[in-house]
Full PDB file with SEQRES, HELIX, SHEET, SSBOND, CRYST1, ORIGX, SCALE, CONECT and MASTER records, all heavy atoms in Angstrom:
SEQRES   1 A   41  SER SER PRO TRP ARG ALA SER LEU GLU GLU ALA TRP SER          
SEQRES   2 A   41  ALA TYR CYS ALA GLY SER VAL PRO ILE GLY ALA VAL VAL          
SEQRES   3 A   41  VAL ASP GLY GLN GLY LYS LEU LEU SER ARG GLY ARG ASN          
SEQRES   4 A   41  ARG ARG                                                      
HELIX    1 AA1 SER A    2  CYS A   16  1                                  15    
SHEET    1 AA1 2 GLY A  23  VAL A  27  0                                        
SHEET    2 AA1 2 LEU A  33  ARG A  38 -1                                        
CRYST1    1.000    1.000    1.000  90.00  90.00  90.00 P 1           1          
ORIGX1      1.000000  0.000000  0.000000        0.00000                         
ORIGX2      0.000000  1.000000  0.000000        0.00000                         
ORIGX3      0.000000  0.000000  1.000000        0.00000                         
SCALE1      1.000000  0.000000  0.000000        0.00000                         
SCALE2      0.000000  1.000000  0.000000        0.00000                         
SCALE3      0.000000  0.000000  1.000000        0.00000                         
ATOM      1  N   SER A   1     127.996 108.637  95.208  1.00  0.00           N  
ATOM      2  CA  SER A   1     128.358 107.230  95.345  1.00  0.00           C  
ATOM      3  C   SER A   1     127.128 106.363  95.090  1.00  0.00           C  
ATOM      4  O   SER A   1     125.983 106.844  95.073  1.00  0.00           O  
ATOM      5  CB  SER A   1     128.902 106.963  96.744  1.00  0.00           C  
ATOM      6  OG  SER A   1     127.899 107.197  97.720  1.00  0.00           O  
ATOM      7  N   SER A   2     127.360 105.070  94.927  1.00  0.00           N  
ATOM      8  CA  SER A   2     126.258 104.133  94.643  1.00  0.00           C  
ATOM      9  C   SER A   2     125.168 104.142  95.721  1.00  0.00           C  
ATOM     10  O   SER A   2     123.975 104.120  95.380  1.00  0.00           O  
ATOM     11  CB  SER A   2     126.809 102.718  94.458  1.00  0.00           C  
ATOM     12  OG  SER A   2     127.627 102.652  93.316  1.00  0.00           O  
ATOM     13  N   PRO A   3     125.521 104.171  97.016  1.00  0.00           N  
ATOM     14  CA  PRO A   3     124.453 104.210  98.024  1.00  0.00           C  
ATOM     15  C   PRO A   3     123.571 105.453  97.910  1.00  0.00           C  
ATOM     16  O   PRO A   3     122.349 105.366  98.086  1.00  0.00           O  
ATOM     17  CB  PRO A   3     125.216 104.187  99.349  1.00  0.00           C  
ATOM     18  CG  PRO A   3     126.506 103.516  99.020  1.00  0.00           C  
ATOM     19  CD  PRO A   3     126.849 103.984  97.646  1.00  0.00           C  
ATOM     20  N   TRP A   4     124.178 106.612  97.595  1.00  0.00           N  
ATOM     21  CA  TRP A   4     123.367 107.815  97.438  1.00  0.00           C  
ATOM     22  C   TRP A   4     122.469 107.700  96.220  1.00  0.00           C  
ATOM     23  O   TRP A   4     121.294 108.112  96.246  1.00  0.00           O  
ATOM     24  CB  TRP A   4     124.247 109.052  97.330  1.00  0.00           C  
ATOM     25  CG  TRP A   4     124.843 109.525  98.622  1.00  0.00           C  
ATOM     26  CD1 TRP A   4     126.159 109.794  98.868  1.00  0.00           C  
ATOM     27  CD2 TRP A   4     124.150 109.792  99.847  1.00  0.00           C  
ATOM     28  NE1 TRP A   4     126.334 110.206 100.169  1.00  0.00           N  
ATOM     29  CE2 TRP A   4     125.109 110.209 100.791  1.00  0.00           C  
ATOM     30  CE3 TRP A   4     122.814 109.710 100.240  1.00  0.00           C  
ATOM     31  CZ2 TRP A   4     124.780 110.547 102.105  1.00  0.00           C  
ATOM     32  CZ3 TRP A   4     122.478 110.040 101.545  1.00  0.00           C  
ATOM     33  CH2 TRP A   4     123.447 110.450 102.455  1.00  0.00           C  
ATOM     34  N   ARG A   5     122.980 107.158  95.137  1.00  0.00           N  
ATOM     35  CA  ARG A   5     122.161 107.007  93.937  1.00  0.00           C  
ATOM     36  C   ARG A   5     120.966 106.095  94.197  1.00  0.00           C  
ATOM     37  O   ARG A   5     119.844 106.391  93.789  1.00  0.00           O  
ATOM     38  CB  ARG A   5     123.012 106.455  92.785  1.00  0.00           C  
ATOM     39  CG  ARG A   5     124.052 107.427  92.253  1.00  0.00           C  
ATOM     40  CD  ARG A   5     124.785 106.842  91.064  1.00  0.00           C  
ATOM     41  NE  ARG A   5     125.793 107.754  90.528  1.00  0.00           N  
ATOM     42  CZ  ARG A   5     126.500 107.521  89.429  1.00  0.00           C  
ATOM     43  NH1 ARG A   5     126.317 106.388  88.770  1.00  0.00           N  
ATOM     44  NH2 ARG A   5     127.381 108.401  89.009  1.00  0.00           N  
ATOM     45  N   ALA A   6     121.223 104.985  94.901  1.00  0.00           N  
ATOM     46  CA  ALA A   6     120.137 104.057  95.217  1.00  0.00           C  
ATOM     47  C   ALA A   6     119.101 104.709  96.131  1.00  0.00           C  
ATOM     48  O   ALA A   6     117.887 104.506  95.967  1.00  0.00           O  
ATOM     49  CB  ALA A   6     120.699 102.788  95.865  1.00  0.00           C  
ATOM     50  N   SER A   7     119.560 105.498  97.091  1.00  0.00           N  
ATOM     51  CA  SER A   7     118.632 106.208  97.986  1.00  0.00           C  
ATOM     52  C   SER A   7     117.767 107.180  97.207  1.00  0.00           C  
ATOM     53  O   SER A   7     116.550 107.309  97.455  1.00  0.00           O  
ATOM     54  CB  SER A   7     119.420 106.961  99.070  1.00  0.00           C  
ATOM     55  OG  SER A   7     120.160 106.082  99.872  1.00  0.00           O  
ATOM     56  N   LEU A   8     118.379 107.875  96.247  1.00  0.00           N  
ATOM     57  CA  LEU A   8     117.626 108.819  95.422  1.00  0.00           C  
ATOM     58  C   LEU A   8     116.629 108.103  94.523  1.00  0.00           C  
ATOM     59  O   LEU A   8     115.525 108.602  94.285  1.00  0.00           O  
ATOM     60  CB  LEU A   8     118.585 109.660  94.587  1.00  0.00           C  
ATOM     61  CG  LEU A   8     119.347 110.739  95.361  1.00  0.00           C  
ATOM     62  CD1 LEU A   8     120.507 111.264  94.539  1.00  0.00           C  
ATOM     63  CD2 LEU A   8     118.405 111.884  95.741  1.00  0.00           C  
ATOM     64  N   GLU A   9     116.994 106.941  94.018  1.00  0.00           N  
ATOM     65  CA  GLU A   9     116.054 106.147  93.225  1.00  0.00           C  
ATOM     66  C   GLU A   9     114.803 105.830  94.043  1.00  0.00           C  
ATOM     67  O   GLU A   9     113.671 105.922  93.552  1.00  0.00           O  
ATOM     68  CB  GLU A   9     116.719 104.854  92.765  1.00  0.00           C  
ATOM     69  CG  GLU A   9     117.769 105.035  91.682  1.00  0.00           C  
ATOM     70  CD  GLU A   9     118.553 103.763  91.417  1.00  0.00           C  
ATOM     71  OE1 GLU A   9     118.281 102.740  92.086  1.00  0.00           O  
ATOM     72  OE2 GLU A   9     119.439 103.787  90.539  1.00  0.00           O  
ATOM     73  N   GLU A  10     115.024 105.464  95.302  1.00  0.00           N  
ATOM     74  CA  GLU A  10     113.893 105.144  96.177  1.00  0.00           C  
ATOM     75  C   GLU A  10     113.056 106.387  96.483  1.00  0.00           C  
ATOM     76  O   GLU A  10     111.826 106.323  96.512  1.00  0.00           O  
ATOM     77  CB  GLU A  10     114.411 104.505  97.470  1.00  0.00           C  
ATOM     78  CG  GLU A  10     115.028 103.132  97.287  1.00  0.00           C  
ATOM     79  CD  GLU A  10     114.028 102.117  96.770  1.00  0.00           C  
ATOM     80  OE1 GLU A  10     112.860 102.128  97.210  1.00  0.00           O  
ATOM     81  OE2 GLU A  10     114.416 101.319  95.889  1.00  0.00           O  
ATOM     82  N   ALA A  11     113.725 107.515  96.709  1.00  0.00           N  
ATOM     83  CA  ALA A  11     112.989 108.751  96.988  1.00  0.00           C  
ATOM     84  C   ALA A  11     112.128 109.163  95.801  1.00  0.00           C  
ATOM     85  O   ALA A  11     110.975 109.592  95.964  1.00  0.00           O  
ATOM     86  CB  ALA A  11     113.974 109.871  97.338  1.00  0.00           C  
ATOM     87  N   TRP A  12     112.678 109.024  94.592  1.00  0.00           N  
ATOM     88  CA  TRP A  12     111.917 109.379  93.391  1.00  0.00           C  
ATOM     89  C   TRP A  12     110.742 108.423  93.182  1.00  0.00           C  
ATOM     90  O   TRP A  12     109.643 108.839  92.807  1.00  0.00           O  
ATOM     91  CB  TRP A  12     112.841 109.391  92.182  1.00  0.00           C  
ATOM     92  CG  TRP A  12     112.204 109.764  90.874  1.00  0.00           C  
ATOM     93  CD1 TRP A  12     112.240 109.052  89.717  1.00  0.00           C  
ATOM     94  CD2 TRP A  12     111.469 110.957  90.570  1.00  0.00           C  
ATOM     95  NE1 TRP A  12     111.574 109.710  88.719  1.00  0.00           N  
ATOM     96  CE2 TRP A  12     111.081 110.887  89.214  1.00  0.00           C  
ATOM     97  CE3 TRP A  12     111.088 112.059  91.327  1.00  0.00           C  
ATOM     98  CZ2 TRP A  12     110.332 111.890  88.586  1.00  0.00           C  
ATOM     99  CZ3 TRP A  12     110.342 113.068  90.710  1.00  0.00           C  
ATOM    100  CH2 TRP A  12     109.977 112.975  89.363  1.00  0.00           C  
ATOM    101  N   SER A  13     110.952 107.143  93.462  1.00  0.00           N  
ATOM    102  CA  SER A  13     109.854 106.176  93.375  1.00  0.00           C  
ATOM    103  C   SER A  13     108.736 106.535  94.344  1.00  0.00           C  
ATOM    104  O   SER A  13     107.554 106.420  94.021  1.00  0.00           O  
ATOM    105  CB  SER A  13     110.359 104.759  93.658  1.00  0.00           C  
ATOM    106  OG  SER A  13     111.227 104.311  92.646  1.00  0.00           O  
ATOM    107  N   ALA A  14     109.138 106.970  95.548  1.00  0.00           N  
ATOM    108  CA  ALA A  14     108.141 107.374  96.543  1.00  0.00           C  
ATOM    109  C   ALA A  14     107.353 108.587  96.050  1.00  0.00           C  
ATOM    110  O   ALA A  14     106.125 108.640  96.163  1.00  0.00           O  
ATOM    111  CB  ALA A  14     108.822 107.680  97.867  1.00  0.00           C  
ATOM    112  N   TYR A  15     108.063 109.562  95.486  1.00  0.00           N  
ATOM    113  CA  TYR A  15     107.388 110.756  94.968  1.00  0.00           C  
ATOM    114  C   TYR A  15     106.395 110.371  93.874  1.00  0.00           C  
ATOM    115  O   TYR A  15     105.242 110.821  93.881  1.00  0.00           O  
ATOM    116  CB  TYR A  15     108.399 111.753  94.416  1.00  0.00           C  
ATOM    117  CG  TYR A  15     107.761 113.015  93.878  1.00  0.00           C  
ATOM    118  CD1 TYR A  15     107.585 114.127  94.701  1.00  0.00           C  
ATOM    119  CD2 TYR A  15     107.309 113.088  92.570  1.00  0.00           C  
ATOM    120  CE1 TYR A  15     106.966 115.272  94.221  1.00  0.00           C  
ATOM    121  CE2 TYR A  15     106.690 114.226  92.082  1.00  0.00           C  
ATOM    122  CZ  TYR A  15     106.520 115.312  92.912  1.00  0.00           C  
ATOM    123  OH  TYR A  15     105.889 116.442  92.429  1.00  0.00           O  
ATOM    124  N   CYS A  16     106.841 109.546  92.937  1.00  0.00           N  
ATOM    125  CA  CYS A  16     105.988 109.158  91.816  1.00  0.00           C  
ATOM    126  C   CYS A  16     104.765 108.360  92.268  1.00  0.00           C  
ATOM    127  O   CYS A  16     103.728 108.361  91.594  1.00  0.00           O  
ATOM    128  CB  CYS A  16     106.789 108.346  90.800  1.00  0.00           C  
ATOM    129  SG  CYS A  16     108.065 109.315  89.933  1.00  0.00           S  
ATOM    130  N   ALA A  17     104.882 107.695  93.435  1.00  0.00           N  
ATOM    131  CA  ALA A  17     103.765 106.918  93.971  1.00  0.00           C  
ATOM    132  C   ALA A  17     102.840 107.764  94.840  1.00  0.00           C  
ATOM    133  O   ALA A  17     101.842 107.258  95.354  1.00  0.00           O  
ATOM    134  CB  ALA A  17     104.295 105.740  94.787  1.00  0.00           C  
ATOM    135  N   GLY A  18     103.187 109.046  95.013  1.00  0.00           N  
ATOM    136  CA  GLY A  18     102.346 109.925  95.816  1.00  0.00           C  
ATOM    137  C   GLY A  18     102.649 109.897  97.296  1.00  0.00           C  
ATOM    138  O   GLY A  18     101.884 110.438  98.098  1.00  0.00           O  
ATOM    139  N   SER A  19     103.769 109.275  97.662  1.00  0.00           N  
ATOM    140  CA  SER A  19     104.169 109.241  99.066  1.00  0.00           C  
ATOM    141  C   SER A  19     105.245 110.295  99.326  1.00  0.00           C  
ATOM    142  O   SER A  19     105.645 111.028  98.424  1.00  0.00           O  
ATOM    143  CB  SER A  19     104.695 107.844  99.435  1.00  0.00           C  
ATOM    144  OG  SER A  19     103.614 106.922  99.546  1.00  0.00           O  
ATOM    145  N   VAL A  20     105.720 110.373 100.557  1.00  0.00           N  
ATOM    146  CA  VAL A  20     106.738 111.348 100.931  1.00  0.00           C  
ATOM    147  C   VAL A  20     108.053 110.952 100.253  1.00  0.00           C  
ATOM    148  O   VAL A  20     108.481 109.798 100.358  1.00  0.00           O  
ATOM    149  CB  VAL A  20     106.920 111.396 102.459  1.00  0.00           C  
ATOM    150  CG1 VAL A  20     107.966 112.442 102.848  1.00  0.00           C  
ATOM    151  CG2 VAL A  20     105.578 111.711 103.128  1.00  0.00           C  
ATOM    152  N   PRO A  21     108.722 111.876  99.535  1.00  0.00           N  
ATOM    153  CA  PRO A  21     109.912 111.522  98.753  1.00  0.00           C  
ATOM    154  C   PRO A  21     111.184 111.339  99.572  1.00  0.00           C  
ATOM    155  O   PRO A  21     112.102 112.160  99.542  1.00  0.00           O  
ATOM    156  CB  PRO A  21     110.040 112.694  97.780  1.00  0.00           C  
ATOM    157  CG  PRO A  21     109.470 113.854  98.527  1.00  0.00           C  
ATOM    158  CD  PRO A  21     108.328 113.276  99.315  1.00  0.00           C  
ATOM    159  N   ILE A  22     111.227 110.248 100.303  1.00  0.00           N  
ATOM    160  CA  ILE A  22     112.406 109.894 101.093  1.00  0.00           C  
ATOM    161  C   ILE A  22     112.772 108.453 100.769  1.00  0.00           C  
ATOM    162  O   ILE A  22     111.895 107.581 100.719  1.00  0.00           O  
ATOM    163  CB  ILE A  22     112.154 110.065 102.600  1.00  0.00           C  
ATOM    164  CG1 ILE A  22     111.840 111.531 102.917  1.00  0.00           C  
ATOM    165  CG2 ILE A  22     113.355 109.591 103.416  1.00  0.00           C  
ATOM    166  CD1 ILE A  22     111.480 111.789 104.368  1.00  0.00           C  
ATOM    167  N   GLY A  23     114.068 108.209 100.535  1.00  0.00           N  
ATOM    168  CA  GLY A  23     114.550 106.867 100.253  1.00  0.00           C  
ATOM    169  C   GLY A  23     115.740 106.545 101.119  1.00  0.00           C  
ATOM    170  O   GLY A  23     116.469 107.438 101.563  1.00  0.00           O  
ATOM    171  N   ALA A  24     115.954 105.257 101.375  1.00  0.00           N  
ATOM    172  CA  ALA A  24     117.060 104.829 102.231  1.00  0.00           C  
ATOM    173  C   ALA A  24     117.581 103.476 101.780  1.00  0.00           C  
ATOM    174  O   ALA A  24     116.832 102.675 101.194  1.00  0.00           O  
ATOM    175  CB  ALA A  24     116.608 104.751 103.686  1.00  0.00           C  
ATOM    176  N   VAL A  25     118.853 103.241 102.046  1.00  0.00           N  
ATOM    177  CA  VAL A  25     119.455 101.933 101.758  1.00  0.00           C  
ATOM    178  C   VAL A  25     120.398 101.564 102.891  1.00  0.00           C  
ATOM    179  O   VAL A  25     120.882 102.433 103.628  1.00  0.00           O  
ATOM    180  CB  VAL A  25     120.235 101.925 100.422  1.00  0.00           C  
ATOM    181  CG1 VAL A  25     119.327 102.283  99.254  1.00  0.00           C  
ATOM    182  CG2 VAL A  25     121.442 102.852 100.473  1.00  0.00           C  
ATOM    183  N   VAL A  26     120.669 100.271 103.005  1.00  0.00           N  
ATOM    184  CA  VAL A  26     121.666  99.772 103.949  1.00  0.00           C  
ATOM    185  C   VAL A  26     122.748  99.062 103.144  1.00  0.00           C  
ATOM    186  O   VAL A  26     122.433  98.252 102.253  1.00  0.00           O  
ATOM    187  CB  VAL A  26     121.051  98.799 104.977  1.00  0.00           C  
ATOM    188  CG1 VAL A  26     122.138  98.286 105.928  1.00  0.00           C  
ATOM    189  CG2 VAL A  26     119.936  99.473 105.769  1.00  0.00           C  
ATOM    190  N   VAL A  27     124.006  99.382 103.434  1.00  0.00           N  
ATOM    191  CA  VAL A  27     125.136  98.738 102.757  1.00  0.00           C  
ATOM    192  C   VAL A  27     126.059  98.127 103.801  1.00  0.00           C  
ATOM    193  O   VAL A  27     126.037  98.517 104.975  1.00  0.00           O  
ATOM    194  CB  VAL A  27     125.918  99.748 101.886  1.00  0.00           C  
ATOM    195  CG1 VAL A  27     125.018 100.377 100.840  1.00  0.00           C  
ATOM    196  CG2 VAL A  27     126.575 100.829 102.747  1.00  0.00           C  
ATOM    197  N   ASP A  28     126.885  97.163 103.355  1.00  0.00           N  
ATOM    198  CA  ASP A  28     127.848  96.576 104.281  1.00  0.00           C  
ATOM    199  C   ASP A  28     129.126  97.414 104.304  1.00  0.00           C  
ATOM    200  O   ASP A  28     129.189  98.483 103.683  1.00  0.00           O  
ATOM    201  CB  ASP A  28     128.137  95.111 103.921  1.00  0.00           C  
ATOM    202  CG  ASP A  28     128.832  94.937 102.569  1.00  0.00           C  
ATOM    203  OD1 ASP A  28     129.349  95.932 102.008  1.00  0.00           O  
ATOM    204  OD2 ASP A  28     128.856  93.793 102.071  1.00  0.00           O  
ATOM    205  N   GLY A  29     130.129  96.929 105.000  1.00  0.00           N  
ATOM    206  CA  GLY A  29     131.358  97.700 105.162  1.00  0.00           C  
ATOM    207  C   GLY A  29     132.114  97.953 103.873  1.00  0.00           C  
ATOM    208  O   GLY A  29     132.927  98.879 103.796  1.00  0.00           O  
ATOM    209  N   GLN A  30     131.835  97.154 102.825  1.00  0.00           N  
ATOM    210  CA  GLN A  30     132.485  97.337 101.528  1.00  0.00           C  
ATOM    211  C   GLN A  30     131.609  98.132 100.552  1.00  0.00           C  
ATOM    212  O   GLN A  30     131.944  98.283  99.389  1.00  0.00           O  
ATOM    213  CB  GLN A  30     132.828  95.976 100.909  1.00  0.00           C  
ATOM    214  CG  GLN A  30     133.985  95.247 101.575  1.00  0.00           C  
ATOM    215  CD  GLN A  30     133.635  94.747 102.968  1.00  0.00           C  
ATOM    216  OE1 GLN A  30     132.611  94.095 103.157  1.00  0.00           O  
ATOM    217  NE2 GLN A  30     134.464  95.085 103.942  1.00  0.00           N  
ATOM    218  N   GLY A  31     130.470  98.610 101.060  1.00  0.00           N  
ATOM    219  CA  GLY A  31     129.576  99.393 100.219  1.00  0.00           C  
ATOM    220  C   GLY A  31     128.600  98.576  99.402  1.00  0.00           C  
ATOM    221  O   GLY A  31     127.885  99.121  98.549  1.00  0.00           O  
ATOM    222  N   LYS A  32     128.536  97.262  99.639  1.00  0.00           N  
ATOM    223  CA  LYS A  32     127.599  96.407  98.913  1.00  0.00           C  
ATOM    224  C   LYS A  32     126.176  96.657  99.399  1.00  0.00           C  
ATOM    225  O   LYS A  32     125.909  96.661 100.601  1.00  0.00           O  
ATOM    226  CB  LYS A  32     127.964  94.938  99.117  1.00  0.00           C  
ATOM    227  CG  LYS A  32     127.015  93.964  98.431  1.00  0.00           C  
ATOM    228  CD  LYS A  32     127.368  92.525  98.755  1.00  0.00           C  
ATOM    229  CE  LYS A  32     126.362  91.554  98.139  1.00  0.00           C  
ATOM    230  NZ  LYS A  32     126.682  90.142  98.483  1.00  0.00           N  
ATOM    231  N   LEU A  33     125.270  96.857  98.469  1.00  0.00           N  
ATOM    232  CA  LEU A  33     123.871  97.121  98.813  1.00  0.00           C  
ATOM    233  C   LEU A  33     123.227  95.869  99.387  1.00  0.00           C  
ATOM    234  O   LEU A  33     123.231  94.806  98.762  1.00  0.00           O  
ATOM    235  CB  LEU A  33     123.110  97.584  97.566  1.00  0.00           C  
ATOM    236  CG  LEU A  33     121.651  97.988  97.768  1.00  0.00           C  
ATOM    237  CD1 LEU A  33     121.550  99.234  98.633  1.00  0.00           C  
ATOM    238  CD2 LEU A  33     120.981  98.233  96.417  1.00  0.00           C  
ATOM    239  N   LEU A  34     122.676  95.995 100.599  1.00  0.00           N  
ATOM    240  CA  LEU A  34     122.030  94.873 101.269  1.00  0.00           C  
ATOM    241  C   LEU A  34     120.516  94.980 101.277  1.00  0.00           C  
ATOM    242  O   LEU A  34     119.812  93.977 101.212  1.00  0.00           O  
ATOM    243  CB  LEU A  34     122.534  94.767 102.710  1.00  0.00           C  
ATOM    244  CG  LEU A  34     124.026  94.528 102.893  1.00  0.00           C  
ATOM    245  CD1 LEU A  34     124.373  94.543 104.378  1.00  0.00           C  
ATOM    246  CD2 LEU A  34     124.450  93.201 102.267  1.00  0.00           C  
ATOM    247  N   SER A  35     120.015  96.207 101.370  1.00  0.00           N  
ATOM    248  CA  SER A  35     118.560  96.398 101.401  1.00  0.00           C  
ATOM    249  C   SER A  35     118.231  97.830 101.033  1.00  0.00           C  
ATOM    250  O   SER A  35     119.090  98.713 101.093  1.00  0.00           O  
ATOM    251  CB  SER A  35     117.973  96.055 102.774  1.00  0.00           C  
ATOM    252  OG  SER A  35     118.450  96.958 103.763  1.00  0.00           O  
ATOM    253  N   ARG A  36     116.999  98.052 100.655  1.00  0.00           N  
ATOM    254  CA  ARG A  36     116.565  99.396 100.306  1.00  0.00           C  
ATOM    255  C   ARG A  36     115.107  99.569 100.721  1.00  0.00           C  
ATOM    256  O   ARG A  36     114.360  98.602 100.881  1.00  0.00           O  
ATOM    257  CB  ARG A  36     116.748  99.669  98.812  1.00  0.00           C  
ATOM    258  CG  ARG A  36     116.137  98.657  97.889  1.00  0.00           C  
ATOM    259  CD  ARG A  36     116.815  98.670  96.509  1.00  0.00           C  
ATOM    260  NE  ARG A  36     116.687  99.950  95.846  1.00  0.00           N  
ATOM    261  CZ  ARG A  36     117.460 100.346  94.832  1.00  0.00           C  
ATOM    262  NH1 ARG A  36     118.427  99.547  94.384  1.00  0.00           N  
ATOM    263  NH2 ARG A  36     117.288 101.510  94.257  1.00  0.00           N  
ATOM    264  N   GLY A  37     114.717 100.812 100.939  1.00  0.00           N  
ATOM    265  CA  GLY A  37     113.342 101.081 101.355  1.00  0.00           C  
ATOM    266  C   GLY A  37     112.972 102.505 101.003  1.00  0.00           C  
ATOM    267  O   GLY A  37     113.840 103.352 100.782  1.00  0.00           O  
ATOM    268  N   ARG A  38     111.684 102.754 100.945  1.00  0.00           N  
ATOM    269  CA  ARG A  38     111.194 104.105 100.676  1.00  0.00           C  
ATOM    270  C   ARG A  38     109.943 104.366 101.478  1.00  0.00           C  
ATOM    271  O   ARG A  38     109.319 103.435 102.012  1.00  0.00           O  
ATOM    272  CB  ARG A  38     110.920 104.300  99.193  1.00  0.00           C  
ATOM    273  CG  ARG A  38     109.827 103.413  98.598  1.00  0.00           C  
ATOM    274  CD  ARG A  38     109.600 103.827  97.154  1.00  0.00           C  
ATOM    275  NE  ARG A  38     108.679 102.976  96.427  1.00  0.00           N  
ATOM    276  CZ  ARG A  38     107.356 103.084  96.463  1.00  0.00           C  
ATOM    277  NH1 ARG A  38     106.784 103.984  97.255  1.00  0.00           N  
ATOM    278  NH2 ARG A  38     106.592 102.284  95.748  1.00  0.00           N  
ATOM    279  N   ASN A  39     109.610 105.621 101.581  1.00  0.00           N  
ATOM    280  CA  ASN A  39     108.371 105.974 102.249  1.00  0.00           C  
ATOM    281  C   ASN A  39     107.204 105.420 101.428  1.00  0.00           C  
ATOM    282  O   ASN A  39     107.145 105.607 100.212  1.00  0.00           O  
ATOM    283  CB  ASN A  39     108.263 107.495 102.367  1.00  0.00           C  
ATOM    284  CG  ASN A  39     107.077 107.916 103.213  1.00  0.00           C  
ATOM    285  OD1 ASN A  39     105.936 107.810 102.786  1.00  0.00           O  
ATOM    286  ND2 ASN A  39     107.333 108.404 104.416  1.00  0.00           N  
ATOM    287  N   ARG A  40     106.318 104.714 102.092  1.00  0.00           N  
ATOM    288  CA  ARG A  40     105.145 104.116 101.443  1.00  0.00           C  
ATOM    289  C   ARG A  40     103.859 104.523 102.165  1.00  0.00           C  
ATOM    290  O   ARG A  40     102.883 103.783 102.171  1.00  0.00           O  
ATOM    291  CB  ARG A  40     105.270 102.593 101.420  1.00  0.00           C  
ATOM    292  CG  ARG A  40     106.391 102.074 100.510  1.00  0.00           C  
ATOM    293  CD  ARG A  40     106.502 100.568 100.568  1.00  0.00           C  
ATOM    294  NE  ARG A  40     107.533 100.055  99.666  1.00  0.00           N  
ATOM    295  CZ  ARG A  40     107.316  99.684  98.399  1.00  0.00           C  
ATOM    296  NH1 ARG A  40     106.091  99.782  97.891  1.00  0.00           N  
ATOM    297  NH2 ARG A  40     108.300  99.227  97.656  1.00  0.00           N  
ATOM    298  N   ARG A  41     103.883 105.704 102.742  1.00  0.00           N  
ATOM    299  CA  ARG A  41     102.739 106.139 103.548  1.00  0.00           C  
ATOM    300  C   ARG A  41     101.430 106.132 102.758  1.00  0.00           C  
ATOM    301  O   ARG A  41     100.374 105.816 103.292  1.00  0.00           O  
ATOM    302  CB  ARG A  41     103.011 107.541 104.100  1.00  0.00           C  
ATOM    303  CG  ARG A  41     101.906 108.060 104.999  1.00  0.00           C  
ATOM    304  CD  ARG A  41     102.282 109.349 105.671  1.00  0.00           C  
ATOM    305  NE  ARG A  41     101.203 109.844 106.501  1.00  0.00           N  
ATOM    306  CZ  ARG A  41     101.267 110.945 107.238  1.00  0.00           C  
ATOM    307  NH1 ARG A  41     102.395 111.645 107.262  1.00  0.00           N  
ATOM    308  NH2 ARG A  41     100.242 111.331 107.966  1.00  0.00           N  
TER     309      ARG A  41                                                      
MASTER        0    0    0    1    2    0    0    6  308    1    0    4          
END                                                                             
């Protein structure tokens, strides 16, 4: 689903930046993407 794809995009960005490859997003009840974040250690 779209939320999983967005989370994976963030995880890959974290990996490419040398951080821990974890990504996360927040969606509303209809699945609309509201925010996203990744590990930036």
